[in-house]
């Protein structure tokens, strides 16, 4: 079974092609990095990922997408693309919390990504299982609980605040999100509703003069 997974919840647009016929194996990988341009970069990133493995979209059996938390525009691009591909190809689409794509398989870890506005999106994990979150907070308000290490772009950016050993990893791994959704994929469960985890209102608001 071939699964295309991608995540647009951070500054990175990342796509992985994963074979889940046995132990999950990454066949193709592509990443674009930049603060803006997710809507323009996702489709070529997906195409390059498939090309790197010598596959095409019609070879896919499922799609997995990171549902955030993340910026409004980035998440919308990823989730809409996943829904459109699932509809066009007649395959299921599944979502997963993007922070899960950074959590290591062992240890008590704080995962934090950059939420801008001097905030972070964060969650805590024990042996790969999420214990708390996802949340959005100022770094000083984050409760790491029993975490003995940290990972993610937000953890690196505010390392002096969190004061924990920093593990490798800046952005969510789509291949890791496939592992989160593996039971749903292998059981051919119906598509998820692909609900975004915004955690806060979008930056754009309706001007008061237009509100009736």
Protein backbone atom coordinates (compact mmCIF):
# COMPACT_ATOMS: atom_id res chain seq x y z
CA UNK A 1 0.00 0.00 0.00
CA UNK A 2 1.32 3.41 -0.96
CA UNK A 3 0.49 6.45 1.15
CA UNK A 4 1.27 10.05 0.30
CA UNK A 5 1.68 12.18 3.43
CA UNK A 6 2.30 15.90 3.63
CA UNK A 7 2.36 18.66 6.21
CA UNK A 8 1.96 22.43 5.81
CA UNK A 9 1.63 23.42 9.48
CA UNK A 10 5.05 25.05 9.82
CA UNK A 11 7.54 27.03 7.76
CA UNK A 12 8.23 23.80 5.86
CA UNK A 13 6.13 22.17 3.17
CA UNK A 14 7.08 18.50 3.38
CA UNK A 15 5.87 15.42 1.49
CA UNK A 16 6.75 11.74 1.96
CA UNK A 17 5.71 8.71 -0.03
CA UNK A 18 5.47 5.73 2.33
CA UNK A 19 4.99 2.04 1.57
CA UNK A 20 3.00 0.48 4.42
CA UNK A 21 2.68 -3.01 2.95
CA UNK A 22 4.93 -4.24 5.76
CA UNK A 23 7.07 -2.10 8.08
CA UNK A 24 6.51 1.49 6.88
CA UNK A 25 9.29 2.51 4.46
CA UNK A 26 9.85 5.96 2.94
CA UNK A 27 10.19 5.71 -0.84
CA UNK A 28 10.23 9.42 -1.65
CA UNK A 29 10.84 12.67 0.22
CA UNK A 30 10.70 16.35 -0.72
CA UNK A 31 10.75 19.54 1.37
CA UNK A 32 10.46 23.25 0.66
CA UNK A 33 11.28 25.79 3.37
CA UNK A 34 10.06 29.38 3.57
CA UNK A 35 7.82 31.60 5.68
CA UNK A 36 5.31 32.17 2.86
CA UNK A 37 4.24 30.51 -0.38
CA UNK A 38 2.70 27.28 0.89
CA UNK A 39 -0.17 27.48 -1.60
CA UNK A 40 2.27 27.79 -4.52
CA UNK A 41 4.76 25.21 -3.27
CA UNK A 42 2.63 22.29 -2.09
CA UNK A 43 1.69 20.90 -5.50
CA UNK A 44 5.26 20.95 -6.92
CA UNK A 45 6.55 19.48 -3.66
CA UNK A 46 4.10 16.58 -3.96
CA UNK A 47 4.99 16.10 -7.64
CA UNK A 48 8.70 16.04 -6.86
CA UNK A 49 8.15 13.53 -4.05
CA UNK A 50 6.28 11.16 -6.36
CA UNK A 51 8.84 11.64 -9.14
CA UNK A 52 11.70 10.79 -6.80
CA UNK A 53 10.10 7.37 -6.23
CA UNK A 54 9.08 6.84 -9.85
CA UNK A 55 5.39 6.84 -8.94
CA UNK A 56 2.31 8.78 -9.99
CA UNK A 57 -0.79 9.89 -8.12
CA UNK A 58 -2.94 7.03 -9.40
CA UNK A 59 -0.62 4.58 -7.61
CA UNK A 60 -1.72 5.90 -4.22
CA UNK A 61 -3.94 3.99 -1.79
CA UNK A 62 -4.42 6.76 0.81
CA UNK A 63 -3.45 10.29 1.75
CA UNK A 64 -2.41 11.55 5.20
CA UNK A 65 -2.21 15.24 6.06
CA UNK A 66 -1.05 17.19 9.09
CA UNK A 67 -4.03 18.96 10.67
CA UNK A 68 -1.97 21.40 12.71
CA UNK A 69 -1.88 23.31 14.90
CA UNK A 70 -0.51 25.91 12.54
CA UNK A 71 -1.26 29.12 10.65
CA UNK A 72 -4.69 29.42 9.05
CA UNK A 73 -3.52 29.68 5.43
CA UNK A 74 -0.96 26.89 5.61
CA UNK A 75 -3.37 24.41 7.18
CA UNK A 76 -6.16 25.27 4.76
CA UNK A 77 -3.88 24.63 1.77
CA UNK A 78 -2.86 21.21 3.07
CA UNK A 79 -6.30 20.01 4.11
CA UNK A 80 -8.05 21.22 0.95
CA UNK A 81 -5.38 19.55 -1.20
CA UNK A 82 -5.76 16.27 0.70
CA UNK A 83 -9.54 16.36 0.30
CA UNK A 84 -9.28 17.15 -3.41
CA UNK A 85 -6.79 14.34 -4.06
CA UNK A 86 -8.92 11.84 -2.15
CA UNK A 87 -12.01 12.83 -4.14
CA UNK A 88 -10.24 12.76 -7.50
CA UNK A 89 -8.46 9.44 -6.90
CA UNK A 90 -11.25 7.69 -5.00
CA UNK A 91 -9.04 6.98 -1.98
CA UNK A 92 -9.41 7.83 1.73
CA UNK A 93 -7.74 10.82 3.39
CA UNK A 94 -6.74 10.85 7.05
CA UNK A 95 -5.48 13.60 9.34
CA UNK A 96 -3.17 13.65 12.36
CA UNK A 97 -1.99 16.28 14.80
CA UNK A 98 1.13 17.74 13.22
CA UNK A 99 2.98 17.85 16.55
CA UNK A 100 2.74 14.04 16.64
CA UNK A 101 5.07 14.10 13.64
CA UNK A 102 7.89 15.43 15.82
CA UNK A 103 7.51 13.20 18.87
CA UNK A 104 10.25 10.56 19.31
CA UNK A 105 9.25 6.97 20.00
CA UNK A 106 10.76 6.96 23.48
CA UNK A 107 11.24 9.32 26.39
CA UNK A 108 9.29 12.17 27.97
CA UNK A 109 9.46 15.04 25.49
CA UNK A 110 8.08 18.53 24.99
CA UNK A 111 7.27 19.27 21.33
CA UNK A 112 7.02 22.95 20.46
CA UNK A 113 6.71 24.66 17.08
CA UNK A 114 6.73 28.34 16.17
CA UNK A 115 3.25 29.89 16.41
CA UNK A 116 4.52 33.43 15.68
CA UNK A 117 3.28 36.37 17.82
CA UNK A 118 6.00 35.25 20.27
CA UNK A 119 3.98 32.09 21.03
CA UNK A 120 4.44 28.36 20.49
CA UNK A 121 2.20 25.44 19.62
CA UNK A 122 3.06 22.66 22.02
CA UNK A 123 2.24 19.25 23.47
CA UNK A 124 3.94 16.76 25.76
CA UNK A 125 4.64 13.09 24.99
CA UNK A 126 5.69 9.90 26.73
CA UNK A 127 7.15 7.18 24.50
CA UNK A 128 5.50 8.72 21.45
CA UNK A 129 2.03 9.03 23.01
CA UNK A 130 0.59 12.51 23.46
CA UNK A 131 -0.15 13.32 27.11
CA UNK A 132 -1.22 16.97 26.90
CA UNK A 133 -2.10 19.39 24.12
CA UNK A 134 -2.05 20.62 21.55
CA UNK A 135 -2.00 24.13 23.03
CA UNK A 136 -0.89 27.59 21.99
CA UNK A 137 0.87 29.64 24.69
CA UNK A 138 3.61 32.11 25.42
CA UNK A 139 6.80 30.13 26.15
CA UNK A 140 6.83 31.20 29.80
CA UNK A 141 3.34 29.71 30.23
CA UNK A 142 4.20 26.26 28.85
CA UNK A 143 4.05 23.41 31.38
CA UNK A 144 6.55 20.75 30.24
CA UNK A 145 5.38 18.33 32.92
CA UNK A 146 7.74 15.37 33.19
CA UNK A 147 9.54 16.19 29.94
CA UNK A 148 13.30 15.65 30.08
CA UNK A 149 14.01 16.84 26.53
CA UNK A 150 12.42 19.00 23.84
CA UNK A 151 12.20 19.20 20.05
CA UNK A 152 10.78 21.40 17.31
CA UNK A 153 11.44 24.85 15.88
CA UNK A 154 9.68 26.51 18.82
CA UNK A 155 11.77 24.56 21.29
CA UNK A 156 14.94 25.69 19.55
CA UNK A 157 13.78 29.30 19.34
CA UNK A 158 12.94 29.48 23.05
CA UNK A 159 15.53 27.04 24.35
CA UNK A 160 16.60 29.50 27.04
CA UNK A 161 13.05 29.62 28.42
CA UNK A 162 12.39 25.87 28.43
CA UNK A 163 15.85 24.90 29.63
CA UNK A 164 15.71 21.28 28.41
CA UNK A 165 18.14 19.32 26.21
CA UNK A 166 17.29 19.95 22.55
CA UNK A 167 16.73 16.96 20.29
CA UNK A 168 17.06 16.99 16.51
CA UNK A 169 14.00 17.94 14.49
CA UNK A 170 12.56 21.28 13.44
CA UNK A 171 9.42 20.46 11.44
CA UNK A 172 6.82 17.64 11.47
CA UNK A 173 7.68 14.47 9.57
CA UNK A 174 4.86 13.32 7.26
CA UNK A 175 6.20 9.76 7.46
CA UNK A 176 5.70 9.88 11.24
CA UNK A 177 2.12 11.03 10.67
CA UNK A 178 1.57 7.91 8.57
CA UNK A 179 2.56 5.83 11.59
CA UNK A 180 -0.04 7.70 13.67
CA UNK A 181 -2.73 6.90 11.09
CA UNK A 182 -1.51 3.37 10.33
CA UNK A 183 -4.42 1.48 11.89
CA UNK A 184 -6.92 3.58 9.94
CA UNK A 185 -4.98 3.09 6.71
CA UNK A 186 -4.66 -0.68 6.99
CA UNK A 187 -8.28 -1.16 8.00
CA UNK A 188 -9.41 1.00 5.05
CA UNK A 189 -11.40 3.20 7.42
CA UNK A 190 -13.59 5.93 5.87
CA UNK A 191 -11.96 9.31 5.28
CA UNK A 192 -11.61 11.62 8.26
CA UNK A 193 -13.42 14.94 8.30
CA UNK A 194 -10.01 16.68 7.94
CA UNK A 195 -10.68 19.20 10.67
CA UNK A 196 -7.94 21.83 11.13
CA UNK A 197 -6.47 22.53 14.56
CA UNK A 198 -6.25 26.31 14.37
CA UNK A 199 -6.31 26.88 18.18
CA UNK A 200 -6.82 30.59 17.61
CA UNK A 201 -8.61 32.97 15.26
CA UNK A 202 -7.03 33.87 11.89
CA UNK A 203 -5.12 37.15 11.61
CA UNK A 204 -7.59 38.54 9.07
CA UNK A 205 -10.84 39.84 10.57
CA UNK A 206 -13.93 41.53 9.16
CA UNK A 207 -13.72 45.33 9.62
CA UNK A 208 -16.19 46.62 12.19
CA UNK A 209 -17.78 48.90 9.61
CA UNK A 210 -18.84 45.82 7.63
CA UNK A 211 -20.44 44.04 10.59
CA UNK A 212 -24.23 44.49 10.73
